[in-house]
C-alpha atoms as a PDB file:
ATOM      1  CA  UNK A   1       0.000   0.000   0.000  1.00  0.00           C
ATOM      2  CA  UNK A   2       0.973   3.618  -0.257  1.00  0.00           C
ATOM      3  CA  UNK A   3      -0.006   5.775   2.679  1.00  0.00           C
ATOM      4  CA  UNK A   4      -0.306   9.465   3.413  1.00  0.00           C
ATOM      5  CA  UNK A   5       0.222  10.407   7.041  1.00  0.00           C
ATOM      6  CA  UNK A   6      -0.473  13.952   8.159  1.00  0.00           C
ATOM      7  CA  UNK A   7      -2.622  16.733   6.775  1.00  0.00           C
ATOM      8  CA  UNK A   8      -4.439  16.445   3.488  1.00  0.00           C
ATOM      9  CA  UNK A   9      -4.372  19.975   2.057  1.00  0.00           C
ATOM     10  CA  UNK A  10      -6.604  19.101  -0.911  1.00  0.00           C
ATOM     11  CA  UNK A  11      -9.408  17.921   1.397  1.00  0.00           C
ATOM     12  CA  UNK A  12      -8.783  20.793   3.822  1.00  0.00           C
ATOM     13  CA  UNK A  13      -8.335  18.406   6.761  1.00  0.00           C
ATOM     14  CA  UNK A  14      -8.588  19.968  10.198  1.00  0.00           C
ATOM     15  CA  UNK A  15      -7.037  16.869  11.801  1.00  0.00           C
ATOM     16  CA  UNK A  16      -4.058  14.744  10.941  1.00  0.00           C
ATOM     17  CA  UNK A  17      -5.034  11.479   9.323  1.00  0.00           C
ATOM     18  CA  UNK A  18      -3.628   8.331   7.795  1.00  0.00           C
ATOM     19  CA  UNK A  19      -4.998   7.544   4.344  1.00  0.00           C
ATOM     20  CA  UNK A  20      -4.027   4.296   2.670  1.00  0.00           C
ATOM     21  CA  UNK A  21      -4.371   3.056  -0.866  1.00  0.00           C
ATOM     22  CA  UNK A  22      -4.039  -0.698  -1.272  1.00  0.00           C
ATOM     23  CA  UNK A  23      -2.001  -1.553  -4.361  1.00  0.00           C
ATOM     24  CA  UNK A  24      -3.431  -5.086  -4.648  1.00  0.00           C
ATOM     25  CA  UNK A  25      -6.888  -6.023  -5.851  1.00  0.00           C
ATOM     26  CA  UNK A  26      -8.839  -8.293  -3.515  1.00  0.00           C
ATOM     27  CA  UNK A  27     -12.097 -10.083  -4.282  1.00  0.00           C
ATOM     28  CA  UNK A  28     -13.484  -9.402  -0.802  1.00  0.00           C
ATOM     29  CA  UNK A  29     -13.140  -6.765   1.891  1.00  0.00           C
ATOM     30  CA  UNK A  30     -11.264  -7.393   5.102  1.00  0.00           C
ATOM     31  CA  UNK A  31     -13.033  -5.109   7.544  1.00  0.00           C
ATOM     32  CA  UNK A  32     -12.484  -6.268  11.106  1.00  0.00           C
ATOM     33  CA  UNK A  33      -9.385  -8.265  10.178  1.00  0.00           C
ATOM     34  CA  UNK A  34      -5.885  -7.652  11.527  1.00  0.00           C
ATOM     35  CA  UNK A  35      -3.363  -6.348   8.988  1.00  0.00           C
ATOM     36  CA  UNK A  36       0.373  -6.501   9.616  1.00  0.00           C
ATOM     37  CA  UNK A  37       1.888  -3.350   8.135  1.00  0.00           C
ATOM     38  CA  UNK A  38       5.431  -2.013   8.040  1.00  0.00           C
ATOM     39  CA  UNK A  39       6.265   1.391   6.638  1.00  0.00           C
ATOM     40  CA  UNK A  40       9.508   0.852   4.749  1.00  0.00           C
ATOM     41  CA  UNK A  41      10.092   4.086   2.881  1.00  0.00           C
ATOM     42  CA  UNK A  42       9.309   7.699   2.154  1.00  0.00           C
ATOM     43  CA  UNK A  43       8.244   8.896  -1.283  1.00  0.00           C
ATOM     44  CA  UNK A  44       7.487  12.615  -1.099  1.00  0.00           C
ATOM     45  CA  UNK A  45       6.227  15.427   1.134  1.00  0.00           C
ATOM     46  CA  UNK A  46       2.590  16.477   1.381  1.00  0.00           C
ATOM     47  CA  UNK A  47       1.392  18.855  -1.262  1.00  0.00           C
ATOM     48  CA  UNK A  48      -1.794  20.509  -2.379  1.00  0.00           C
ATOM     49  CA  UNK A  49      -3.392  19.846  -5.756  1.00  0.00           C
ATOM     50  CA  UNK A  50      -5.397  22.018  -8.133  1.00  0.00           C
ATOM     51  CA  UNK A  51      -7.863  19.247  -8.923  1.00  0.00           C
ATOM     52  CA  UNK A  52      -8.978  15.775  -7.962  1.00  0.00           C
ATOM     53  CA  UNK A  53      -7.480  14.525 -11.223  1.00  0.00           C
ATOM     54  CA  UNK A  54      -4.072  15.922 -10.209  1.00  0.00           C
ATOM     55  CA  UNK A  55      -4.337  14.222  -6.821  1.00  0.00           C
ATOM     56  CA  UNK A  56      -5.274  10.891  -8.440  1.00  0.00           C
ATOM     57  CA  UNK A  57      -2.396  11.218 -10.897  1.00  0.00           C
ATOM     58  CA  UNK A  58       0.060  11.841  -8.042  1.00  0.00           C
ATOM     59  CA  UNK A  59      -1.234   8.781  -6.165  1.00  0.00           C
ATOM     60  CA  UNK A  60      -0.846   6.671  -9.313  1.00  0.00           C
ATOM     61  CA  UNK A  61       2.736   7.944  -9.624  1.00  0.00           C
ATOM     62  CA  UNK A  62       3.343   7.098  -5.966  1.00  0.00           C
ATOM     63  CA  UNK A  63       2.080   3.552  -6.599  1.00  0.00           C
ATOM     64  CA  UNK A  64       4.418   3.072  -9.555  1.00  0.00           C
ATOM     65  CA  UNK A  65       7.375   4.380  -7.543  1.00  0.00           C
ATOM     66  CA  UNK A  66       6.461   2.159  -4.577  1.00  0.00           C
ATOM     67  CA  UNK A  67       6.312  -0.910  -6.847  1.00  0.00           C
ATOM     68  CA  UNK A  68       9.844  -0.165  -8.095  1.00  0.00           C
ATOM     69  CA  UNK A  69      11.191   0.301  -4.584  1.00  0.00           C
ATOM     70  CA  UNK A  70       9.469  -2.796  -3.220  1.00  0.00           C
ATOM     71  CA  UNK A  71      11.436  -4.823  -5.771  1.00  0.00           C
ATOM     72  CA  UNK A  72      14.723  -3.712  -4.186  1.00  0.00           C
ATOM     73  CA  UNK A  73      16.586  -6.467  -2.287  1.00  0.00           C
ATOM     74  CA  UNK A  74      16.202  -4.777   1.095  1.00  0.00           C
ATOM     75  CA  UNK A  75      12.427  -4.792   0.710  1.00  0.00           C
ATOM     76  CA  UNK A  76      12.069  -8.209  -0.947  1.00  0.00           C
ATOM     77  CA  UNK A  77      13.615  -9.890   2.097  1.00  0.00           C
ATOM     78  CA  UNK A  78      10.764  -8.523   4.264  1.00  0.00           C
ATOM     79  CA  UNK A  79       8.293 -10.856   2.517  1.00  0.00           C
ATOM     80  CA  UNK A  80       9.764 -13.777   4.455  1.00  0.00           C
ATOM     81  CA  UNK A  81       9.903 -11.995   7.820  1.00  0.00           C
ATOM     82  CA  UNK A  82       7.946 -13.720  10.614  1.00  0.00           C
ATOM     83  CA  UNK A  83       6.023 -10.484  11.185  1.00  0.00           C
ATOM     84  CA  UNK A  84       4.169 -11.075   7.921  1.00  0.00           C
ATOM     85  CA  UNK A  85       3.583 -14.814   8.241  1.00  0.00           C
ATOM     86  CA  UNK A  86      -0.086 -15.666   8.706  1.00  0.00           C
ATOM     87  CA  UNK A  87      -1.341 -19.010  10.002  1.00  0.00           C
ATOM     88  CA  UNK A  88      -3.192 -20.905   7.265  1.00  0.00           C
ATOM     89  CA  UNK A  89      -6.322 -20.875   9.437  1.00  0.00           C
ATOM     90  CA  UNK A  90      -6.377 -17.048   9.173  1.00  0.00           C
ATOM     91  CA  UNK A  91      -5.957 -16.798   5.411  1.00  0.00           C
ATOM     92  CA  UNK A  92      -9.095 -15.466   3.686  1.00  0.00           C
ATOM     93  CA  UNK A  93      -9.962 -16.745   0.197  1.00  0.00           C
ATOM     94  CA  UNK A  94      -6.336 -17.452  -0.674  1.00  0.00           C
ATOM     95  CA  UNK A  95      -4.977 -14.092   0.537  1.00  0.00           C
END
């Protein structure tokens, strides 16, 4: 996922928030489930956008950059870390 932590100038937030965009497509939702998440990098600072289209374009660029960085050796090794191992009894629909 890519995540924005802080203020969202475009939406004129009055409180800090954490907004996530999942990069994978899932067939079902996972509300109420526990997700193991590790923030492994920083892409760019917050910025304001002139339009929703500009914001969406920036998020799409962030996703492409995150995909490149997640293929780096230091990030690939995290896939096997015990933190991310899920017992088979907790796996939902193959995920």
